[in-house]
Amino acid sequence: MPEALTMNMTTIRSGFFMVAAMGLIVAPAGAQSTGPTHSGFDPSAPMGGHVHEGEVGKKLMALESAFKCNCGCGLDVHTCQFQMQCGTSPVWSVRIRESLERGETVEAIEASFVADFGKAVFLAPPAEGFNLVGYLLPVFAILTAGMLIGVLTRGGMRREDLVPVENVSEDEAEKLREAMKKLDESESPDW
């Protein structure tokens, strides 16, 4: 009877672990996204028809990567267009491509987008005015923290605080030898 009980418990235990392992494998599959959930999602947004080759393609890619889509996803126009399928980014891409094909410069296209949407259209704010604080403050904070850590760690290590021992009496030397011997014995491996 105990053998049957042991075998039965082993079977139950292995079955439990199998179910748990399958749960770990299958559960992430159900948790995957079924599509974008941001406010600008448009299931009927056009896919494809986008050229990133040649000189116009390079400029188009640079501009799409510099502009932040305003559909609410927080991504650049290029990424939003091809991964989120929103309704805003394809329109912006067409506007940029047509402007480039007409011969407008990158700076002129950027200026037209800034005029329409403000400087918030850029993923990275321009390094001018108060925005410089955002670029320079982390560098100053890291340097200041490094200097502070250096000062604090070296604070108790001044050379004038260290006094060399010149004359050691025989009693002090014997105490030191005994202390070192006890330390060696307490730290020695016991194999």
C-alpha atoms as a PDB file:
ATOM      1  CA  MET A   1       0.000   0.000   0.000  1.00  0.00           C
ATOM      2  CA  PRO A   2       2.708   2.583   0.824  1.00  0.00           C
ATOM      3  CA  GLU A   3       4.472   1.843  -2.510  1.00  0.00           C
ATOM      4  CA  ALA A   4       1.284   2.532  -4.431  1.00  0.00           C
ATOM      5  CA  LEU A   5       0.809   5.721  -2.468  1.00  0.00           C
ATOM      6  CA  THR A   6       4.411   6.775  -3.165  1.00  0.00           C
ATOM      7  CA  MET A   7       4.050   6.001  -6.846  1.00  0.00           C
ATOM      8  CA  ASN A   8       0.768   7.842  -6.984  1.00  0.00           C
ATOM      9  CA  MET A   9       2.263  10.905  -5.239  1.00  0.00           C
ATOM     10  CA  THR A  10       5.229  10.830  -7.637  1.00  0.00           C
ATOM     11  CA  THR A  11       2.872  10.710 -10.592  1.00  0.00           C
ATOM     12  CA  ILE A  12       0.806  13.560  -9.195  1.00  0.00           C
ATOM     13  CA  ARG A  13       3.917  15.629  -8.456  1.00  0.00           C
ATOM     14  CA  SER A  14       5.389  15.121 -11.942  1.00  0.00           C
ATOM     15  CA  GLY A  15       2.001  15.878 -13.491  1.00  0.00           C
ATOM     16  CA  PHE A  16       1.793  19.101 -11.515  1.00  0.00           C
ATOM     17  CA  PHE A  17       5.231  20.194 -12.714  1.00  0.00           C
ATOM     18  CA  MET A  18       4.320  19.343 -16.316  1.00  0.00           C
ATOM     19  CA  VAL A  19       1.166  21.476 -16.103  1.00  0.00           C
ATOM     20  CA  ALA A  20       3.139  24.326 -14.511  1.00  0.00           C
ATOM     21  CA  ALA A  21       5.811  24.126 -17.222  1.00  0.00           C
ATOM     22  CA  MET A  22       3.185  24.161 -19.965  1.00  0.00           C
ATOM     23  CA  GLY A  23       1.558  27.152 -18.302  1.00  0.00           C
ATOM     24  CA  LEU A  24       4.845  29.027 -18.412  1.00  0.00           C
ATOM     25  CA  ILE A  25       5.217  28.223 -22.086  1.00  0.00           C
ATOM     26  CA  VAL A  26       1.646  28.951 -23.186  1.00  0.00           C
ATOM     27  CA  ALA A  27       0.830  31.950 -20.954  1.00  0.00           C
ATOM     28  CA  PRO A  28       3.110  34.471 -22.712  1.00  0.00           C
ATOM     29  CA  ALA A  29       1.494  33.647 -26.061  1.00  0.00           C
ATOM     30  CA  GLY A  30      -1.881  34.832 -24.799  1.00  0.00           C
ATOM     31  CA  ALA A  31      -0.412  38.022 -23.359  1.00  0.00           C
ATOM     32  CA  GLN A  32       0.991  39.306 -26.641  1.00  0.00           C
ATOM     33  CA  SER A  33      -0.427  42.455 -28.135  1.00  0.00           C
ATOM     34  CA  THR A  34      -3.122  42.171 -30.744  1.00  0.00           C
ATOM     35  CA  GLY A  35      -2.346  45.581 -32.150  1.00  0.00           C
ATOM     36  CA  PRO A  36      -1.726  49.163 -31.169  1.00  0.00           C
ATOM     37  CA  THR A  37      -4.017  50.710 -28.596  1.00  0.00           C
ATOM     38  CA  HIS A  38      -3.059  54.366 -28.938  1.00  0.00           C
ATOM     39  CA  SER A  39      -5.594  56.959 -29.973  1.00  0.00           C
ATOM     40  CA  GLY A  40      -4.253  57.390 -33.512  1.00  0.00           C
ATOM     41  CA  PHE A  41      -4.659  53.772 -34.618  1.00  0.00           C
ATOM     42  CA  ASP A  42      -6.272  53.481 -38.028  1.00  0.00           C
ATOM     43  CA  PRO A  43      -6.800  49.918 -39.289  1.00  0.00           C
ATOM     44  CA  SER A  44      -7.432  51.239 -42.791  1.00  0.00           C
ATOM     45  CA  ALA A  45      -4.121  53.150 -42.927  1.00  0.00           C
ATOM     46  CA  PRO A  46      -2.188  52.494 -46.139  1.00  0.00           C
ATOM     47  CA  MET A  47       0.732  50.106 -45.930  1.00  0.00           C
ATOM     48  CA  GLY A  48       3.728  50.262 -48.239  1.00  0.00           C
ATOM     49  CA  GLY A  49       4.236  52.606 -51.170  1.00  0.00           C
ATOM     50  CA  HIS A  50       7.180  54.132 -49.363  1.00  0.00           C
ATOM     51  CA  VAL A  51      10.580  54.713 -50.948  1.00  0.00           C
ATOM     52  CA  HIS A  52      13.754  55.168 -48.913  1.00  0.00           C
ATOM     53  CA  GLU A  53      16.298  54.839 -51.691  1.00  0.00           C
ATOM     54  CA  GLY A  54      18.534  57.430 -53.284  1.00  0.00           C
ATOM     55  CA  GLU A  55      19.152  60.968 -52.091  1.00  0.00           C
ATOM     56  CA  VAL A  56      15.463  61.748 -51.565  1.00  0.00           C
ATOM     57  CA  GLY A  57      15.044  58.498 -49.647  1.00  0.00           C
ATOM     58  CA  LYS A  58      17.932  59.320 -47.307  1.00  0.00           C
ATOM     59  CA  LYS A  59      16.549  62.773 -46.578  1.00  0.00           C
ATOM     60  CA  LEU A  60      13.049  61.333 -46.177  1.00  0.00           C
ATOM     61  CA  MET A  61      14.297  58.760 -43.682  1.00  0.00           C
ATOM     62  CA  ALA A  62      16.240  61.407 -41.734  1.00  0.00           C
ATOM     63  CA  LEU A  63      13.210  63.687 -41.501  1.00  0.00           C
ATOM     64  CA  GLU A  64      10.807  60.863 -40.613  1.00  0.00           C
ATOM     65  CA  SER A  65      13.194  59.785 -37.864  1.00  0.00           C
ATOM     66  CA  ALA A  66      13.502  63.343 -36.521  1.00  0.00           C
ATOM     67  CA  PHE A  67       9.771  64.082 -36.272  1.00  0.00           C
ATOM     68  CA  LYS A  68       7.549  62.719 -33.500  1.00  0.00           C
ATOM     69  CA  CYS A  69       4.180  61.490 -34.702  1.00  0.00           C
ATOM     70  CA  ASN A  70       1.335  63.354 -33.008  1.00  0.00           C
ATOM     71  CA  CYS A  71      -1.077  60.396 -32.902  1.00  0.00           C
ATOM     72  CA  GLY A  72      -0.178  59.791 -29.260  1.00  0.00           C
ATOM     73  CA  CYS A  73       2.227  56.876 -29.675  1.00  0.00           C
ATOM     74  CA  GLY A  74       5.384  58.884 -28.903  1.00  0.00           C
ATOM     75  CA  LEU A  75       7.299  57.240 -31.772  1.00  0.00           C
ATOM     76  CA  ASP A  76       8.986  58.827 -34.752  1.00  0.00           C
ATOM     77  CA  VAL A  77       6.981  59.116 -37.974  1.00  0.00           C
ATOM     78  CA  HIS A  78       8.798  56.262 -39.722  1.00  0.00           C
ATOM     79  CA  THR A  79       8.392  53.770 -36.874  1.00  0.00           C
ATOM     80  CA  CYS A  80       4.788  54.739 -36.238  1.00  0.00           C
ATOM     81  CA  GLN A  81       3.910  54.355 -39.892  1.00  0.00           C
ATOM     82  CA  PHE A  82       5.278  50.857 -40.254  1.00  0.00           C
ATOM     83  CA  GLN A  83       4.701  49.424 -36.776  1.00  0.00           C
ATOM     84  CA  MET A  84       1.618  51.163 -35.451  1.00  0.00           C
ATOM     85  CA  GLN A  85      -0.278  51.770 -38.707  1.00  0.00           C
ATOM     86  CA  CYS A  86      -1.675  55.091 -37.578  1.00  0.00           C
ATOM     87  CA  GLY A  87      -3.504  57.501 -39.841  1.00  0.00           C
ATOM     88  CA  THR A  88      -1.227  60.475 -39.163  1.00  0.00           C
ATOM     89  CA  SER A  89       2.240  59.262 -40.084  1.00  0.00           C
ATOM     90  CA  PRO A  90       1.485  58.228 -43.702  1.00  0.00           C
ATOM     91  CA  VAL A  91       0.082  61.696 -44.372  1.00  0.00           C
ATOM     92  CA  TRP A  92       3.171  63.321 -42.882  1.00  0.00           C
ATOM     93  CA  SER A  93       5.423  60.994 -44.864  1.00  0.00           C
ATOM     94  CA  VAL A  94       3.684  61.896 -48.125  1.00  0.00           C
ATOM     95  CA  ARG A  95       3.967  65.595 -47.257  1.00  0.00           C
ATOM     96  CA  ILE A  96       7.701  65.236 -46.577  1.00  0.00           C
ATOM     97  CA  ARG A  97       8.322  63.160 -49.720  1.00  0.00           C
ATOM     98  CA  GLU A  98       6.406  65.565 -51.970  1.00  0.00           C
ATOM     99  CA  SER A  99       8.287  68.535 -50.499  1.00  0.00           C
ATOM    100  CA  LEU A 100      11.619  66.798 -51.126  1.00  0.00           C
ATOM    101  CA  GLU A 101      10.610  65.900 -54.684  1.00  0.00           C
ATOM    102  CA  ARG A 102       9.737  69.564 -55.298  1.00  0.00           C
ATOM    103  CA  GLY A 103      13.314  70.426 -54.288  1.00  0.00           C
ATOM    104  CA  GLU A 104      12.715  71.933 -50.845  1.00  0.00           C
ATOM    105  CA  THR A 105      15.608  71.717 -48.408  1.00  0.00           C
ATOM    106  CA  VAL A 106      15.521  69.715 -45.200  1.00  0.00           C
ATOM    107  CA  GLU A 107      15.683  72.952 -43.204  1.00  0.00           C
ATOM    108  CA  ALA A 108      12.686  74.399 -45.062  1.00  0.00           C
ATOM    109  CA  ILE A 109      10.637  71.257 -44.426  1.00  0.00           C
ATOM    110  CA  GLU A 110      11.590  71.303 -40.741  1.00  0.00           C
ATOM    111  CA  ALA A 111      10.609  74.975 -40.558  1.00  0.00           C
ATOM    112  CA  SER A 112       7.205  74.256 -42.133  1.00  0.00           C
ATOM    113  CA  PHE A 113       6.515  71.468 -39.618  1.00  0.00           C
ATOM    114  CA  VAL A 114       7.622  73.709 -36.730  1.00  0.00           C
ATOM    115  CA  ALA A 115       5.326  76.448 -38.043  1.00  0.00           C
ATOM    116  CA  ASP A 116       2.396  74.014 -38.143  1.00  0.00           C
ATOM    117  CA  PHE A 117       3.023  71.954 -34.984  1.00  0.00           C
ATOM    118  CA  GLY A 118       5.579  73.850 -32.883  1.00  0.00           C
ATOM    119  CA  LYS A 119       8.987  72.661 -31.699  1.00  0.00           C
ATOM    120  CA  ALA A 120       7.308  69.713 -29.971  1.00  0.00           C
ATOM    121  CA  VAL A 121       7.271  68.026 -33.398  1.00  0.00           C
ATOM    122  CA  PHE A 122      10.926  67.040 -32.878  1.00  0.00           C
ATOM    123  CA  LEU A 123      11.768  63.861 -30.965  1.00  0.00           C
ATOM    124  CA  ALA A 124      14.824  65.588 -29.478  1.00  0.00           C
ATOM    125  CA  PRO A 125      14.397  69.248 -28.595  1.00  0.00           C
ATOM    126  CA  PRO A 126      16.823  71.599 -30.359  1.00  0.00           C
ATOM    127  CA  ALA A 127      19.945  72.423 -28.328  1.00  0.00           C
ATOM    128  CA  GLU A 128      19.185  76.088 -27.808  1.00  0.00           C
ATOM    129  CA  GLY A 129      17.894  78.311 -25.036  1.00  0.00           C
ATOM    130  CA  PHE A 130      16.512  76.555 -21.970  1.00  0.00           C
ATOM    131  CA  ASN A 131      16.779  73.167 -23.719  1.00  0.00           C
ATOM    132  CA  LEU A 132      20.545  73.354 -23.170  1.00  0.00           C
ATOM    133  CA  VAL A 133      19.873  72.709 -19.480  1.00  0.00           C
ATOM    134  CA  GLY A 134      18.459  69.306 -20.402  1.00  0.00           C
ATOM    135  CA  TYR A 135      21.571  68.453 -22.376  1.00  0.00           C
ATOM    136  CA  LEU A 136      24.183  69.820 -19.963  1.00  0.00           C
ATOM    137  CA  LEU A 137      22.649  69.102 -16.535  1.00  0.00           C
ATOM    138  CA  PRO A 138      23.196  65.311 -16.644  1.00  0.00           C
ATOM    139  CA  VAL A 139      26.872  65.814 -17.534  1.00  0.00           C
ATOM    140  CA  PHE A 140      27.380  68.274 -14.671  1.00  0.00           C
ATOM    141  CA  ALA A 141      25.492  65.996 -12.264  1.00  0.00           C
ATOM    142  CA  ILE A 142      27.664  62.994 -13.145  1.00  0.00           C
ATOM    143  CA  LEU A 143      30.892  65.005 -12.841  1.00  0.00           C
ATOM    144  CA  THR A 144      29.800  66.542  -9.524  1.00  0.00           C
ATOM    145  CA  ALA A 145      28.796  63.149  -8.125  1.00  0.00           C
ATOM    146  CA  GLY A 146      32.144  61.673  -9.201  1.00  0.00           C
ATOM    147  CA  MET A 147      34.091  64.483  -7.548  1.00  0.00           C
ATOM    148  CA  LEU A 148      31.993  64.218  -4.380  1.00  0.00           C
ATOM    149  CA  ILE A 149      32.555  60.469  -4.172  1.00  0.00           C
ATOM    150  CA  GLY A 150      36.284  61.015  -4.705  1.00  0.00           C
ATOM    151  CA  VAL A 151      36.470  63.645  -1.963  1.00  0.00           C
ATOM    152  CA  LEU A 152      34.467  61.516   0.476  1.00  0.00           C
ATOM    153  CA  THR A 153      36.493  58.363  -0.121  1.00  0.00           C
ATOM    154  CA  ARG A 154      39.824  60.143   0.178  1.00  0.00           C
ATOM    155  CA  GLY A 155      38.719  62.286   3.132  1.00  0.00           C
ATOM    156  CA  GLY A 156      40.222  60.054   5.845  1.00  0.00           C
ATOM    157  CA  MET A 157      43.371  59.158   3.913  1.00  0.00           C
ATOM    158  CA  ARG A 158      45.602  62.205   4.351  1.00  0.00           C
ATOM    159  CA  ARG A 159      49.360  61.539   4.432  1.00  0.00           C
ATOM    160  CA  GLU A 160      50.005  63.726   7.477  1.00  0.00           C
ATOM    161  CA  ASP A 161      47.634  61.539   9.532  1.00  0.00           C
ATOM    162  CA  LEU A 162      49.852  58.490   8.956  1.00  0.00           C
ATOM    163  CA  VAL A 163      52.717  58.347  11.434  1.00  0.00           C
ATOM    164  CA  PRO A 164      55.444  55.748  10.920  1.00  0.00           C
ATOM    165  CA  VAL A 165      56.244  53.496  13.869  1.00  0.00           C
ATOM    166  CA  GLU A 166      59.963  53.638  14.519  1.00  0.00           C
ATOM    167  CA  ASN A 167      60.550  52.084  17.926  1.00  0.00           C
ATOM    168  CA  VAL A 168      58.543  48.994  18.808  1.00  0.00           C
ATOM    169  CA  SER A 169      59.145  47.478  22.213  1.00  0.00           C
ATOM    170  CA  GLU A 170      59.678  43.734  22.548  1.00  0.00           C
ATOM    171  CA  ASP A 171      56.351  43.357  24.441  1.00  0.00           C
ATOM    172  CA  GLU A 172      54.414  45.123  21.654  1.00  0.00           C
ATOM    173  CA  ALA A 173      56.151  43.020  19.007  1.00  0.00           C
ATOM    174  CA  GLU A 174      55.263  39.825  20.910  1.00  0.00           C
ATOM    175  CA  LYS A 175      51.592  40.930  21.240  1.00  0.00           C
ATOM    176  CA  LEU A 176      51.511  41.628  17.514  1.00  0.00           C
ATOM    177  CA  ARG A 177      52.998  38.205  16.686  1.00  0.00           C
ATOM    178  CA  GLU A 178      50.424  36.465  18.941  1.00  0.00           C
ATOM    179  CA  ALA A 179      47.551  38.412  17.394  1.00  0.00           C
ATOM    180  CA  MET A 180      48.768  37.535  13.898  1.00  0.00           C
ATOM    181  CA  LYS A 181      49.124  33.871  14.870  1.00  0.00           C
ATOM    182  CA  LYS A 182      45.536  33.799  16.247  1.00  0.00           C
ATOM    183  CA  LEU A 183      44.292  35.465  13.083  1.00  0.00           C
ATOM    184  CA  ASP A 184      46.094  32.923  10.890  1.00  0.00           C
ATOM    185  CA  GLU A 185      44.667  30.029  12.916  1.00  0.00           C
ATOM    186  CA  SER A 186      41.110  31.381  12.772  1.00  0.00           C
ATOM    187  CA  GLU A 187      41.282  31.907   9.011  1.00  0.00           C
ATOM    188  CA  SER A 188      43.047  28.687   8.077  1.00  0.00           C
ATOM    189  CA  PRO A 189      41.006  26.171   6.091  1.00  0.00           C
ATOM    190  CA  ASP A 190      39.899  23.112   7.995  1.00  0.00           C
ATOM    191  CA  TRP A 191      40.683  20.464   5.424  1.00  0.00           C
END
